[in-house]
Amino acid sequence: MDLARPDSRESLMLREAKEAPASVAKLIAANVDACRELGARLRKAQPAFVASSARGSSDNAATFAKYLLEIRLGMVTASVGPSVRSVYSANLRLKGALFLTVSQSGRSPDILRLAEVARADGAITVAFVNDASSPLAEICETVLPINAWPERSVAATKSVICSLAAVLQLVAHWADDSELLTALERLPDDLERAVAVDWNSALGLLQQGRSLFVTGRGVGLAVAQEAALKLKETCGIHGEALSAAELMHGPMTLAGPDFPVMVFAQRDEAFPSIADLVSTLRGRAVPVVMAGPTSAGCDIALASDPTLSSFTTPIALLQSFYPLVERVARARGRDPDAPPHLKKVTETL
């Protein structure tokens, strides 16, 4: 069987990734009133800052929230390590803040304890959660279901896409931003088109690889983090996610002919620096896979829709990436639905 071609035996991972556009359309419709009301409340309350807490793929969605909030609303947003409460028993001062948490199961003890502290101290607590009947949903004041249930594959796909869309929806209503609201309205259709984009040109390079950097900037960094995680858990490839700016420092010494770089980019103010990075890498004969606006000189160009908003381009790129990484896993003889040593729900302390 040619693993580079679709067959009748779709994995759960691939099937669920393809379900993401429909799930996003449902969550946008289901959450619009809650996001409109919460957005108005946040404009009035003017939180002093935003704190987020999450693990794994959900934390990658929190990275997307951080850049979106800081770029579009000027809200200082910090990721809080759940262990500061669950392990070190620290009493964080979160009064007057907005506390955001992203979770699939809503059952991880460390996230629950931090959410309890945040609400008890007077923060506005908001949970993006897949299980609306979970303990996390009970703790947080406002629940925005991500509507990806059920998701059975160990490797999360549609729940991540839905988490990114849910974050975008809240920020669009909080900012009362017509550009973001328009981008959100067309997102399900954009994702449907992204599912069909053929990224098989990158299969050979990724199939043979052992290590690579995955990089992006701004809202694109979240997708780089998620792509690196999926390469690790489904393919057994050591993917290290770095900001493109950080890659230009010490880590650059590792990149070479046998250490490729995968780049996720969107057309915004950060793109010129991304293009400069690609040029530098190619000058050192580093293989470059570029996802997004194409840049001359990259080995493999995985194009994005040029009509997309810079804030939805990363979500569409991730939608196109999931079928690719599923095929890479199978080409390497791995079951994408059952990565070794992993389980669907991990409850950390």
C-alpha atoms as a PDB file:
ATOM      1  CA  MET A   1       0.000   0.000   0.000  1.00  0.00           C
ATOM      2  CA  ASP A   2       1.236   3.469  -0.889  1.00  0.00           C
ATOM      3  CA  LEU A   3       1.034   5.328   2.399  1.00  0.00           C
ATOM      4  CA  ALA A   4       1.310   8.657   0.611  1.00  0.00           C
ATOM      5  CA  ARG A   5      -2.179   8.105  -0.849  1.00  0.00           C
ATOM      6  CA  PRO A   6      -5.517   8.016   0.958  1.00  0.00           C
ATOM      7  CA  ASP A   7      -7.033   4.575   1.429  1.00  0.00           C
ATOM      8  CA  SER A   8     -10.314   3.184   2.722  1.00  0.00           C
ATOM      9  CA  ARG A   9      -8.863   2.700   6.217  1.00  0.00           C
ATOM     10  CA  GLU A  10      -9.030   6.141   7.691  1.00  0.00           C
ATOM     11  CA  SER A  11      -7.566   6.525  11.144  1.00  0.00           C
ATOM     12  CA  LEU A  12      -9.610   8.123  13.889  1.00  0.00           C
ATOM     13  CA  MET A  13      -7.104  10.950  13.896  1.00  0.00           C
ATOM     14  CA  LEU A  14      -7.665  11.729  10.210  1.00  0.00           C
ATOM     15  CA  ARG A  15     -11.433  11.317  10.455  1.00  0.00           C
ATOM     16  CA  GLU A  16     -11.667  13.634  13.446  1.00  0.00           C
ATOM     17  CA  ALA A  17      -9.400  16.224  11.846  1.00  0.00           C
ATOM     18  CA  LYS A  18     -11.760  16.317   8.870  1.00  0.00           C
ATOM     19  CA  GLU A  19     -14.687  16.911  11.248  1.00  0.00           C
ATOM     20  CA  ALA A  20     -13.159  20.123  12.596  1.00  0.00           C
ATOM     21  CA  PRO A  21     -14.751  22.587  10.132  1.00  0.00           C
ATOM     22  CA  ALA A  22     -18.267  21.385  10.953  1.00  0.00           C
ATOM     23  CA  SER A  23     -17.492  21.429  14.688  1.00  0.00           C
ATOM     24  CA  VAL A  24     -16.185  24.995  14.413  1.00  0.00           C
ATOM     25  CA  ALA A  25     -19.363  26.099  12.640  1.00  0.00           C
ATOM     26  CA  LYS A  26     -21.444  24.603  15.462  1.00  0.00           C
ATOM     27  CA  LEU A  27     -19.408  26.180  18.261  1.00  0.00           C
ATOM     28  CA  ILE A  28     -19.535  29.628  16.649  1.00  0.00           C
ATOM     29  CA  ALA A  29     -23.322  29.424  16.473  1.00  0.00           C
ATOM     30  CA  ALA A  30     -23.658  27.943  19.955  1.00  0.00           C
ATOM     31  CA  ASN A  31     -21.351  30.415  21.729  1.00  0.00           C
ATOM     32  CA  VAL A  32     -22.215  33.673  19.985  1.00  0.00           C
ATOM     33  CA  ASP A  33     -24.568  34.994  22.675  1.00  0.00           C
ATOM     34  CA  ALA A  34     -22.240  34.026  25.537  1.00  0.00           C
ATOM     35  CA  CYS A  35     -19.249  35.632  23.794  1.00  0.00           C
ATOM     36  CA  ARG A  36     -21.194  38.798  23.024  1.00  0.00           C
ATOM     37  CA  GLU A  37     -22.289  39.126  26.654  1.00  0.00           C
ATOM     38  CA  LEU A  38     -18.861  38.265  28.048  1.00  0.00           C
ATOM     39  CA  GLY A  39     -17.190  40.663  25.618  1.00  0.00           C
ATOM     40  CA  ALA A  40     -19.416  43.513  26.824  1.00  0.00           C
ATOM     41  CA  ARG A  41     -18.704  42.601  30.440  1.00  0.00           C
ATOM     42  CA  LEU A  42     -14.946  42.588  29.837  1.00  0.00           C
ATOM     43  CA  ARG A  43     -15.045  45.965  28.084  1.00  0.00           C
ATOM     44  CA  LYS A  44     -16.769  47.373  31.160  1.00  0.00           C
ATOM     45  CA  ALA A  45     -14.646  45.560  33.757  1.00  0.00           C
ATOM     46  CA  GLN A  46     -11.308  46.321  32.052  1.00  0.00           C
ATOM     47  CA  PRO A  47      -9.275  43.476  33.628  1.00  0.00           C
ATOM     48  CA  ALA A  48      -5.806  44.496  34.771  1.00  0.00           C
ATOM     49  CA  PHE A  49      -4.225  41.549  32.964  1.00  0.00           C
ATOM     50  CA  VAL A  50      -4.973  38.063  31.646  1.00  0.00           C
ATOM     51  CA  ALA A  51      -3.610  34.843  33.112  1.00  0.00           C
ATOM     52  CA  SER A  52      -3.915  31.515  31.304  1.00  0.00           C
ATOM     53  CA  SER A  53      -3.281  27.950  32.368  1.00  0.00           C
ATOM     54  CA  ALA A  54      -3.341  24.755  30.300  1.00  0.00           C
ATOM     55  CA  ARG A  55      -1.340  21.665  29.364  1.00  0.00           C
ATOM     56  CA  GLY A  56      -0.285  20.034  26.094  1.00  0.00           C
ATOM     57  CA  SER A  57      -2.239  20.955  22.964  1.00  0.00           C
ATOM     58  CA  SER A  58      -4.537  23.122  25.083  1.00  0.00           C
ATOM     59  CA  ASP A  59      -1.517  25.174  26.159  1.00  0.00           C
ATOM     60  CA  ASN A  60      -0.702  25.736  22.492  1.00  0.00           C
ATOM     61  CA  ALA A  61      -4.184  27.214  22.112  1.00  0.00           C
ATOM     62  CA  ALA A  62      -3.389  29.418  25.120  1.00  0.00           C
ATOM     63  CA  THR A  63      -0.299  30.680  23.263  1.00  0.00           C
ATOM     64  CA  PHE A  64      -2.592  31.698  20.410  1.00  0.00           C
ATOM     65  CA  ALA A  65      -4.790  33.527  22.926  1.00  0.00           C
ATOM     66  CA  LYS A  66      -1.778  35.332  24.359  1.00  0.00           C
ATOM     67  CA  TYR A  67      -0.652  36.802  21.044  1.00  0.00           C
ATOM     68  CA  LEU A  68      -4.188  37.602  19.914  1.00  0.00           C
ATOM     69  CA  LEU A  69      -4.992  39.403  23.172  1.00  0.00           C
ATOM     70  CA  GLU A  70      -1.723  41.319  23.274  1.00  0.00           C
ATOM     71  CA  ILE A  71      -1.773  42.307  19.590  1.00  0.00           C
ATOM     72  CA  ARG A  72      -5.467  43.142  19.254  1.00  0.00           C
ATOM     73  CA  LEU A  73      -6.380  44.343  22.761  1.00  0.00           C
ATOM     74  CA  GLY A  74      -3.079  45.335  24.330  1.00  0.00           C
ATOM     75  CA  MET A  75      -3.820  42.988  27.239  1.00  0.00           C
ATOM     76  CA  VAL A  76      -0.713  41.699  29.001  1.00  0.00           C
ATOM     77  CA  THR A  77      -1.216  37.930  29.055  1.00  0.00           C
ATOM     78  CA  ALA A  78       0.863  35.496  31.089  1.00  0.00           C
ATOM     79  CA  SER A  79       0.875  31.717  31.234  1.00  0.00           C
ATOM     80  CA  VAL A  80       0.729  30.462  34.816  1.00  0.00           C
ATOM     81  CA  GLY A  81       2.323  27.123  35.633  1.00  0.00           C
ATOM     82  CA  PRO A  82      -0.383  25.007  37.307  1.00  0.00           C
ATOM     83  CA  SER A  83       2.201  23.478  39.628  1.00  0.00           C
ATOM     84  CA  VAL A  84       2.721  26.768  41.463  1.00  0.00           C
ATOM     85  CA  ARG A  85      -0.519  25.974  43.252  1.00  0.00           C
ATOM     86  CA  SER A  86      -0.833  22.176  43.104  1.00  0.00           C
ATOM     87  CA  VAL A  87       2.790  21.429  44.040  1.00  0.00           C
ATOM     88  CA  TYR A  88       4.114  24.596  45.707  1.00  0.00           C
ATOM     89  CA  SER A  89       0.841  25.785  47.317  1.00  0.00           C
ATOM     90  CA  ALA A  90       1.449  29.376  46.204  1.00  0.00           C
ATOM     91  CA  ASN A  91      -1.393  31.845  46.709  1.00  0.00           C
ATOM     92  CA  LEU A  92      -1.520  33.830  43.487  1.00  0.00           C
ATOM     93  CA  ARG A  93      -2.971  37.342  43.466  1.00  0.00           C
ATOM     94  CA  LEU A  94      -5.464  37.270  40.590  1.00  0.00           C
ATOM     95  CA  LYS A  95      -8.100  39.733  41.771  1.00  0.00           C
ATOM     96  CA  GLY A  96      -9.108  42.017  38.942  1.00  0.00           C
ATOM     97  CA  ALA A  97      -7.663  39.714  36.295  1.00  0.00           C
ATOM     98  CA  LEU A  98      -9.235  37.542  33.634  1.00  0.00           C
ATOM     99  CA  PHE A  99      -8.287  33.901  34.157  1.00  0.00           C
ATOM    100  CA  LEU A 100      -8.534  31.722  31.048  1.00  0.00           C
ATOM    101  CA  THR A 101      -8.096  27.989  31.000  1.00  0.00           C
ATOM    102  CA  VAL A 102      -8.267  25.607  28.045  1.00  0.00           C
ATOM    103  CA  SER A 103      -8.902  21.904  28.557  1.00  0.00           C
ATOM    104  CA  GLN A 104     -10.295  18.907  26.710  1.00  0.00           C
ATOM    105  CA  SER A 105     -11.288  16.802  29.705  1.00  0.00           C
ATOM    106  CA  GLY A 106     -11.647  19.504  32.373  1.00  0.00           C
ATOM    107  CA  ARG A 107     -10.389  16.990  34.930  1.00  0.00           C
ATOM    108  CA  SER A 108      -6.676  17.595  35.474  1.00  0.00           C
ATOM    109  CA  PRO A 109      -6.185  18.191  39.224  1.00  0.00           C
ATOM    110  CA  ASP A 110      -3.515  20.880  38.837  1.00  0.00           C
ATOM    111  CA  ILE A 111      -5.657  22.957  36.478  1.00  0.00           C
ATOM    112  CA  LEU A 112      -8.670  22.559  38.765  1.00  0.00           C
ATOM    113  CA  ARG A 113      -6.781  23.800  41.834  1.00  0.00           C
ATOM    114  CA  LEU A 114      -5.501  26.865  40.029  1.00  0.00           C
ATOM    115  CA  ALA A 115      -8.976  27.677  38.703  1.00  0.00           C
ATOM    116  CA  GLU A 116     -10.343  27.412  42.248  1.00  0.00           C
ATOM    117  CA  VAL A 117      -7.728  29.867  43.509  1.00  0.00           C
ATOM    118  CA  ALA A 118      -8.420  32.281  40.654  1.00  0.00           C
ATOM    119  CA  ARG A 119     -12.149  32.354  41.289  1.00  0.00           C
ATOM    120  CA  ALA A 120     -11.794  32.572  45.069  1.00  0.00           C
ATOM    121  CA  ASP A 121      -9.449  35.561  44.693  1.00  0.00           C
ATOM    122  CA  GLY A 122     -11.920  37.460  42.532  1.00  0.00           C
ATOM    123  CA  ALA A 123     -10.714  36.843  38.989  1.00  0.00           C
ATOM    124  CA  ILE A 124     -13.182  36.547  36.126  1.00  0.00           C
ATOM    125  CA  THR A 125     -12.801  32.862  35.307  1.00  0.00           C
ATOM    126  CA  VAL A 126     -13.470  31.475  31.826  1.00  0.00           C
ATOM    127  CA  ALA A 127     -13.081  27.862  30.722  1.00  0.00           C
ATOM    128  CA  PHE A 128     -12.760  26.712  27.113  1.00  0.00           C
ATOM    129  CA  VAL A 129     -13.553  23.049  27.699  1.00  0.00           C
ATOM    130  CA  ASN A 130     -14.697  20.087  25.621  1.00  0.00           C
ATOM    131  CA  ASP A 131     -16.663  18.438  28.448  1.00  0.00           C
ATOM    132  CA  ALA A 132     -19.197  20.990  29.642  1.00  0.00           C
ATOM    133  CA  SER A 133     -20.168  18.729  32.568  1.00  0.00           C
ATOM    134  CA  SER A 134     -16.590  18.453  33.868  1.00  0.00           C
ATOM    135  CA  PRO A 135     -15.327  19.689  37.254  1.00  0.00           C
ATOM    136  CA  LEU A 136     -13.538  22.569  35.536  1.00  0.00           C
ATOM    137  CA  ALA A 137     -16.812  23.726  33.999  1.00  0.00           C
ATOM    138  CA  GLU A 138     -18.377  23.699  37.462  1.00  0.00           C
ATOM    139  CA  ILE A 139     -15.551  25.782  38.967  1.00  0.00           C
ATOM    140  CA  CYS A 140     -15.316  28.520  36.344  1.00  0.00           C
ATOM    141  CA  GLU A 141     -17.861  31.297  36.188  1.00  0.00           C
ATOM    142  CA  THR A 142     -18.199  31.243  32.401  1.00  0.00           C
ATOM    143  CA  VAL A 143     -17.950  28.128  30.250  1.00  0.00           C
ATOM    144  CA  LEU A 144     -17.399  28.282  26.496  1.00  0.00           C
ATOM    145  CA  PRO A 145     -17.738  24.711  25.191  1.00  0.00           C
ATOM    146  CA  ILE A 146     -15.375  23.944  22.318  1.00  0.00           C
ATOM    147  CA  ASN A 147     -17.874  21.489  20.816  1.00  0.00           C
ATOM    148  CA  ALA A 148     -15.381  18.848  19.650  1.00  0.00           C
ATOM    149  CA  TRP A 149     -16.969  15.983  21.569  1.00  0.00           C
ATOM    150  CA  PRO A 150     -16.433  13.109  21.122  1.00  0.00           C
ATOM    151  CA  GLU A 151     -12.769  12.911  20.202  1.00  0.00           C
ATOM    152  CA  ARG A 152     -11.380   9.400  20.608  1.00  0.00           C
ATOM    153  CA  SER A 153      -7.954   9.512  18.994  1.00  0.00           C
ATOM    154  CA  VAL A 154      -5.156  10.052  21.515  1.00  0.00           C
ATOM    155  CA  ALA A 155      -3.725  12.786  19.294  1.00  0.00           C
ATOM    156  CA  ALA A 156      -6.061  15.773  19.611  1.00  0.00           C
ATOM    157  CA  THR A 157      -6.991  17.457  16.336  1.00  0.00           C
ATOM    158  CA  LYS A 158     -10.488  18.901  16.057  1.00  0.00           C
ATOM    159  CA  SER A 159     -10.480  19.892  19.739  1.00  0.00           C
ATOM    160  CA  VAL A 160      -7.368  22.002  19.087  1.00  0.00           C
ATOM    161  CA  ILE A 161      -8.867  23.634  15.992  1.00  0.00           C
ATOM    162  CA  CYS A 162     -12.055  24.296  17.950  1.00  0.00           C
ATOM    163  CA  SER A 163     -10.104  25.750  20.883  1.00  0.00           C
ATOM    164  CA  LEU A 164      -8.344  28.206  18.549  1.00  0.00           C
ATOM    165  CA  ALA A 165     -11.666  29.178  16.987  1.00  0.00           C
ATOM    166  CA  ALA A 166     -13.299  29.643  20.398  1.00  0.00           C
ATOM    167  CA  VAL A 167     -10.451  31.900  21.525  1.00  0.00           C
ATOM    168  CA  LEU A 168     -10.768  33.934  18.326  1.00  0.00           C
ATOM    169  CA  GLN A 169     -14.515  34.283  18.856  1.00  0.00           C
ATOM    170  CA  LEU A 170     -14.147  35.619  22.390  1.00  0.00           C
ATOM    171  CA  VAL A 171     -11.426  38.116  21.447  1.00  0.00           C
ATOM    172  CA  ALA A 172     -13.394  39.301  18.408  1.00  0.00           C
ATOM    173  CA  HIS A 173     -16.420  40.083  20.601  1.00  0.00           C
ATOM    174  CA  TRP A 174     -14.358  41.550  23.440  1.00  0.00           C
ATOM    175  CA  ALA A 175     -12.591  43.895  21.023  1.00  0.00           C
ATOM    176  CA  ASP A 176     -15.845  44.442  19.078  1.00  0.00           C
ATOM    177  CA  ASP A 177     -13.542  44.052  16.083  1.00  0.00           C
ATOM    178  CA  SER A 178     -15.301  43.934  12.693  1.00  0.00           C
ATOM    179  CA  GLU A 179     -12.215  42.486  10.966  1.00  0.00           C
ATOM    180  CA  LEU A 180     -11.971  39.582  13.394  1.00  0.00           C
ATOM    181  CA  LEU A 181     -15.736  38.999  13.341  1.00  0.00           C
ATOM    182  CA  THR A 182     -15.671  38.794   9.537  1.00  0.00           C
ATOM    183  CA  ALA A 183     -12.715  36.403   9.634  1.00  0.00           C
ATOM    184  CA  LEU A 184     -14.559  34.296  12.186  1.00  0.00           C
ATOM    185  CA  GLU A 185     -17.714  34.166  10.039  1.00  0.00           C
ATOM    186  CA  ARG A 186     -15.840  32.696   7.062  1.00  0.00           C
ATOM    187  CA  LEU A 187     -13.603  30.408   9.143  1.00  0.00           C
ATOM    188  CA  PRO A 188     -15.629  27.158   8.750  1.00  0.00           C
ATOM    189  CA  ASP A 189     -15.531  27.482   4.955  1.00  0.00           C
ATOM    190  CA  ASP A 190     -11.828  28.355   5.056  1.00  0.00           C
ATOM    191  CA  LEU A 191     -11.179  25.239   7.113  1.00  0.00           C
ATOM    192  CA  GLU A 192     -13.130  23.061   4.664  1.00  0.00           C
ATOM    193  CA  ARG A 193     -10.858  24.286   1.892  1.00  0.00           C
ATOM    194  CA  ALA A 194      -7.782  23.758   4.064  1.00  0.00           C
ATOM    195  CA  VAL A 195      -8.690  20.084   4.608  1.00  0.00           C
ATOM    196  CA  ALA A 196      -8.417  19.526   0.863  1.00  0.00           C
ATOM    197  CA  VAL A 197      -5.022  21.207   0.430  1.00  0.00           C
ATOM    198  CA  ASP A 198      -2.393  18.691  -0.689  1.00  0.00           C
ATOM    199  CA  TRP A 199       0.726  18.858   1.481  1.00  0.00           C
ATOM    200  CA  ASN A 200       2.165  15.517   0.358  1.00  0.00           C
ATOM    201  CA  SER A 201       5.247  17.228  -1.067  1.00  0.00           C
ATOM    202  CA  ALA A 202       6.577  17.400   2.513  1.00  0.00           C
ATOM    203  CA  LEU A 203       5.987  13.698   3.213  1.00  0.00           C
ATOM    204  CA  GLY A 204       9.373  12.420   2.035  1.00  0.00           C
ATOM    205  CA  LEU A 205      11.458  14.886   4.049  1.00  0.00           C
ATOM    206  CA  LEU A 206       9.453  14.431   7.238  1.00  0.00           C
ATOM    207  CA  GLN A 207       9.245  10.645   6.853  1.00  0.00           C
ATOM    208  CA  GLN A 208      13.029  10.332   6.861  1.00  0.00           C
ATOM    209  CA  GLY A 209      13.723  12.873   9.588  1.00  0.00           C
ATOM    210  CA  ARG A 210      14.779  12.325  13.182  1.00  0.00           C
ATOM    211  CA  SER A 211      14.925  15.910  14.446  1.00  0.00           C
ATOM    212  CA  LEU A 212      13.850  19.306  13.204  1.00  0.00           C
ATOM    213  CA  PHE A 213      12.974  22.774  14.380  1.00  0.00           C
ATOM    214  CA  VAL A 214       9.399  24.014  13.934  1.00  0.00           C
ATOM    215  CA  THR A 215       9.123  27.780  14.016  1.00  0.00           C
ATOM    216  CA  GLY A 216       6.756  30.721  13.704  1.00  0.00           C
ATOM    217  CA  ARG A 217       6.151  34.194  15.120  1.00  0.00           C
ATOM    218  CA  GLY A 218       3.207  35.949  16.696  1.00  0.00           C
ATOM    219  CA  VAL A 219      -0.034  34.004  16.353  1.00  0.00           C
ATOM    220  CA  GLY A 220       1.868  31.506  14.184  1.00  0.00           C
ATOM    221  CA  LEU A 221       4.006  30.369  17.106  1.00  0.00           C
ATOM    222  CA  ALA A 222       1.060  28.459  18.597  1.00  0.00           C
ATOM    223  CA  VAL A 223       0.736  26.377  15.438  1.00  0.00           C
ATOM    224  CA  ALA A 224       4.474  25.693  15.405  1.00  0.00           C
ATOM    225  CA  GLN A 225       4.180  24.431  18.989  1.00  0.00           C
ATOM    226  CA  GLU A 226       1.240  22.209  18.112  1.00  0.00           C
ATOM    227  CA  ALA A 227       2.928  20.838  14.970  1.00  0.00           C
ATOM    228  CA  ALA A 228       6.073  19.987  16.932  1.00  0.00           C
ATOM    229  CA  LEU A 229       3.998  18.191  19.559  1.00  0.00           C
ATOM    230  CA  LYS A 230       2.160  16.139  16.930  1.00  0.00           C
ATOM    231  CA  LEU A 231       5.429  15.171  15.223  1.00  0.00           C
ATOM    232  CA  LYS A 232       6.665  13.887  18.569  1.00  0.00           C
ATOM    233  CA  GLU A 233       3.600  11.987  19.718  1.00  0.00           C
ATOM    234  CA  THR A 234       2.347  10.511  16.448  1.00  0.00           C
ATOM    235  CA  CYS A 235       5.527  10.161  14.382  1.00  0.00           C
ATOM    236  CA  GLY A 236       8.327   9.697  16.897  1.00  0.00           C
ATOM    237  CA  ILE A 237      10.162  12.683  15.391  1.00  0.00           C
ATOM    238  CA  HIS A 238      11.905  15.088  17.738  1.00  0.00           C
ATOM    239  CA  GLY A 239      10.318  18.384  16.758  1.00  0.00           C
ATOM    240  CA  GLU A 240      11.399  21.400  18.802  1.00  0.00           C
ATOM    241  CA  ALA A 241       9.187  24.479  18.591  1.00  0.00           C
ATOM    242  CA  LEU A 242      10.867  27.863  18.768  1.00  0.00           C
ATOM    243  CA  SER A 243      10.010  31.431  17.957  1.00  0.00           C
ATOM    244  CA  ALA A 244      11.750  32.426  14.742  1.00  0.00           C
ATOM    245  CA  ALA A 245      13.467  35.186  16.704  1.00  0.00           C
ATOM    246  CA  GLU A 246      14.820  32.681  19.242  1.00  0.00           C
ATOM    247  CA  LEU A 247      15.971  30.325  16.502  1.00  0.00           C
ATOM    248  CA  MET A 248      18.268  33.053  15.199  1.00  0.00           C
ATOM    249  CA  HIS A 249      20.215  32.870  18.482  1.00  0.00           C
ATOM    250  CA  GLY A 250      21.974  29.815  19.959  1.00  0.00           C
ATOM    251  CA  PRO A 251      19.737  27.091  18.460  1.00  0.00           C
ATOM    252  CA  MET A 252      20.757  28.126  14.934  1.00  0.00           C
ATOM    253  CA  THR A 253      23.985  26.183  15.381  1.00  0.00           C
ATOM    254  CA  LEU A 254      22.071  22.888  15.215  1.00  0.00           C
ATOM    255  CA  ALA A 255      20.298  23.536  11.911  1.00  0.00           C
ATOM    256  CA  GLY A 256      22.047  21.970   8.954  1.00  0.00           C
ATOM    257  CA  PRO A 257      21.632  19.637   5.970  1.00  0.00           C
ATOM    258  CA  ASP A 258      20.491  16.824   8.271  1.00  0.00           C
ATOM    259  CA  PHE A 259      18.511  19.059  10.668  1.00  0.00           C
ATOM    260  CA  PRO A 260      15.647  20.689   8.717  1.00  0.00           C
ATOM    261  CA  VAL A 261      13.369  23.545   9.725  1.00  0.00           C
ATOM    262  CA  MET A 262       9.604  23.700   9.250  1.00  0.00           C
ATOM    263  CA  VAL A 263       8.226  27.233   9.154  1.00  0.00           C
ATOM    264  CA  PHE A 264       4.646  28.356   9.794  1.00  0.00           C
ATOM    265  CA  ALA A 265       3.973  31.929   8.713  1.00  0.00           C
ATOM    266  CA  GLN A 266       1.160  34.383   8.194  1.00  0.00           C
ATOM    267  CA  ARG A 267       1.220  37.582   6.156  1.00  0.00           C
ATOM    268  CA  ASP A 268       1.639  40.237   8.854  1.00  0.00           C
ATOM    269  CA  GLU A 269       4.290  42.514  10.321  1.00  0.00           C
ATOM    270  CA  ALA A 270       6.432  39.522  11.304  1.00  0.00           C
ATOM    271  CA  PHE A 271       6.627  38.067   7.794  1.00  0.00           C
ATOM    272  CA  PRO A 272       9.729  40.004   6.618  1.00  0.00           C
ATOM    273  CA  SER A 273      11.728  38.567   9.527  1.00  0.00           C
ATOM    274  CA  ILE A 274      10.454  35.075   8.657  1.00  0.00           C
ATOM    275  CA  ALA A 275      11.587  35.569   5.053  1.00  0.00           C
ATOM    276  CA  ASP A 276      15.017  36.705   6.292  1.00  0.00           C
ATOM    277  CA  LEU A 277      15.275  33.575   8.445  1.00  0.00           C
ATOM    278  CA  VAL A 278      14.435  31.337   5.480  1.00  0.00           C
ATOM    279  CA  SER A 279      17.107  33.090   3.407  1.00  0.00           C
ATOM    280  CA  THR A 280      19.685  32.588   6.161  1.00  0.00           C
ATOM    281  CA  LEU A 281      18.816  28.916   6.516  1.00  0.00           C
ATOM    282  CA  ARG A 282      19.016  28.274   2.790  1.00  0.00           C
ATOM    283  CA  GLY A 283      22.391  29.996   2.709  1.00  0.00           C
ATOM    284  CA  ARG A 284      23.586  27.242   5.060  1.00  0.00           C
ATOM    285  CA  ALA A 285      21.974  24.443   2.989  1.00  0.00           C
ATOM    286  CA  VAL A 286      19.347  23.793   5.666  1.00  0.00           C
ATOM    287  CA  PRO A 287      16.248  22.069   4.198  1.00  0.00           C
ATOM    288  CA  VAL A 288      13.244  24.347   4.743  1.00  0.00           C
ATOM    289  CA  VAL A 289       9.559  23.435   4.618  1.00  0.00           C
ATOM    290  CA  MET A 290       7.532  26.651   4.472  1.00  0.00           C
ATOM    291  CA  ALA A 291       3.818  26.637   5.286  1.00  0.00           C
ATOM    292  CA  GLY A 292       2.007  29.882   4.564  1.00  0.00           C
ATOM    293  CA  PRO A 293       2.906  32.687   2.167  1.00  0.00           C
ATOM    294  CA  THR A 294       5.610  31.209  -0.034  1.00  0.00           C
ATOM    295  CA  SER A 295       9.149  32.488   0.136  1.00  0.00           C
ATOM    296  CA  ALA A 296      11.711  32.119  -2.636  1.00  0.00           C
ATOM    297  CA  GLY A 297      14.392  29.581  -1.865  1.00  0.00           C
ATOM    298  CA  CYS A 298      12.532  27.192   0.436  1.00  0.00           C
ATOM    299  CA  ASP A 299      12.781  23.524  -0.495  1.00  0.00           C
ATOM    300  CA  ILE A 300       9.093  22.737  -0.031  1.00  0.00           C
ATOM    301  CA  ALA A 301       6.368  25.375  -0.178  1.00  0.00           C
ATOM    302  CA  LEU A 302       3.014  24.536   1.435  1.00  0.00           C
ATOM    303  CA  ALA A 303       0.874  27.426   0.312  1.00  0.00           C
ATOM    304  CA  SER A 304      -1.968  29.046   2.246  1.00  0.00           C
ATOM    305  CA  ASP A 305      -5.009  30.894   0.941  1.00  0.00           C
ATOM    306  CA  PRO A 306      -3.808  34.491   0.335  1.00  0.00           C
ATOM    307  CA  THR A 307      -7.287  35.875   1.106  1.00  0.00           C
ATOM    308  CA  LEU A 308      -7.203  34.672   4.719  1.00  0.00           C
ATOM    309  CA  SER A 309      -6.878  37.029   7.645  1.00  0.00           C
ATOM    310  CA  SER A 310      -3.473  36.897   9.304  1.00  0.00           C
ATOM    311  CA  PHE A 311      -5.292  35.781  12.460  1.00  0.00           C
ATOM    312  CA  THR A 312      -7.025  32.810  10.831  1.00  0.00           C
ATOM    313  CA  THR A 313      -4.146  31.729   8.575  1.00  0.00           C
ATOM    314  CA  PRO A 314      -2.495  29.760  11.424  1.00  0.00           C
ATOM    315  CA  ILE A 315      -5.742  27.867  12.131  1.00  0.00           C
ATOM    316  CA  ALA A 316      -6.121  26.951   8.457  1.00  0.00           C
ATOM    317  CA  LEU A 317      -2.461  25.898   8.275  1.00  0.00           C
ATOM    318  CA  LEU A 318      -2.959  23.584  11.229  1.00  0.00           C
ATOM    319  CA  GLN A 319      -6.046  22.113   9.563  1.00  0.00           C
ATOM    320  CA  SER A 320      -3.916  21.287   6.499  1.00  0.00           C
ATOM    321  CA  PHE A 321      -1.066  19.952   8.639  1.00  0.00           C
ATOM    322  CA  TYR A 322      -3.035  17.289  10.513  1.00  0.00           C
ATOM    323  CA  PRO A 323      -3.660  15.017   7.471  1.00  0.00           C
ATOM    324  CA  LEU A 324       0.019  15.362   6.567  1.00  0.00           C
ATOM    325  CA  VAL A 325       1.298  14.356   9.993  1.00  0.00           C
ATOM    326  CA  GLU A 326      -1.140  11.423  10.065  1.00  0.00           C
ATOM    327  CA  ARG A 327       0.370  10.155   6.814  1.00  0.00           C
ATOM    328  CA  VAL A 328       3.897  10.706   8.072  1.00  0.00           C
ATOM    329  CA  ALA A 329       3.090   8.552  11.111  1.00  0.00           C
ATOM    330  CA  ARG A 330       1.756   5.721   8.952  1.00  0.00           C
ATOM    331  CA  ALA A 331       4.702   6.002   6.560  1.00  0.00           C
ATOM    332  CA  ARG A 332       7.003   5.516   9.553  1.00  0.00           C
ATOM    333  CA  GLY A 333       5.077   2.381  10.562  1.00  0.00           C
ATOM    334  CA  ARG A 334       3.270   3.933  13.505  1.00  0.00           C
ATOM    335  CA  ASP A 335      -0.406   3.883  14.453  1.00  0.00           C
ATOM    336  CA  PRO A 336      -1.483   7.543  14.687  1.00  0.00           C
ATOM    337  CA  ASP A 337      -4.418   6.588  16.931  1.00  0.00           C
ATOM    338  CA  ALA A 338      -2.317   4.773  19.517  1.00  0.00           C
ATOM    339  CA  PRO A 339       1.016   6.503  20.199  1.00  0.00           C
ATOM    340  CA  PRO A 340       3.173   4.412  22.564  1.00  0.00           C
ATOM    341  CA  HIS A 341       3.167   5.293  26.276  1.00  0.00           C
ATOM    342  CA  LEU A 342       0.321   7.829  25.902  1.00  0.00           C
ATOM    343  CA  LYS A 343      -3.346   7.908  26.793  1.00  0.00           C
ATOM    344  CA  LYS A 344      -6.189  10.240  25.881  1.00  0.00           C
ATOM    345  CA  VAL A 345      -6.588  11.958  29.240  1.00  0.00           C
ATOM    346  CA  THR A 346      -3.562  12.792  31.372  1.00  0.00           C
ATOM    347  CA  GLU A 347      -4.320  14.025  34.882  1.00  0.00           C
ATOM    348  CA  THR A 348      -1.315  15.891  36.238  1.00  0.00           C
ATOM    349  CA  LEU A 349      -0.781  17.077  39.801  1.00  0.00           C
END
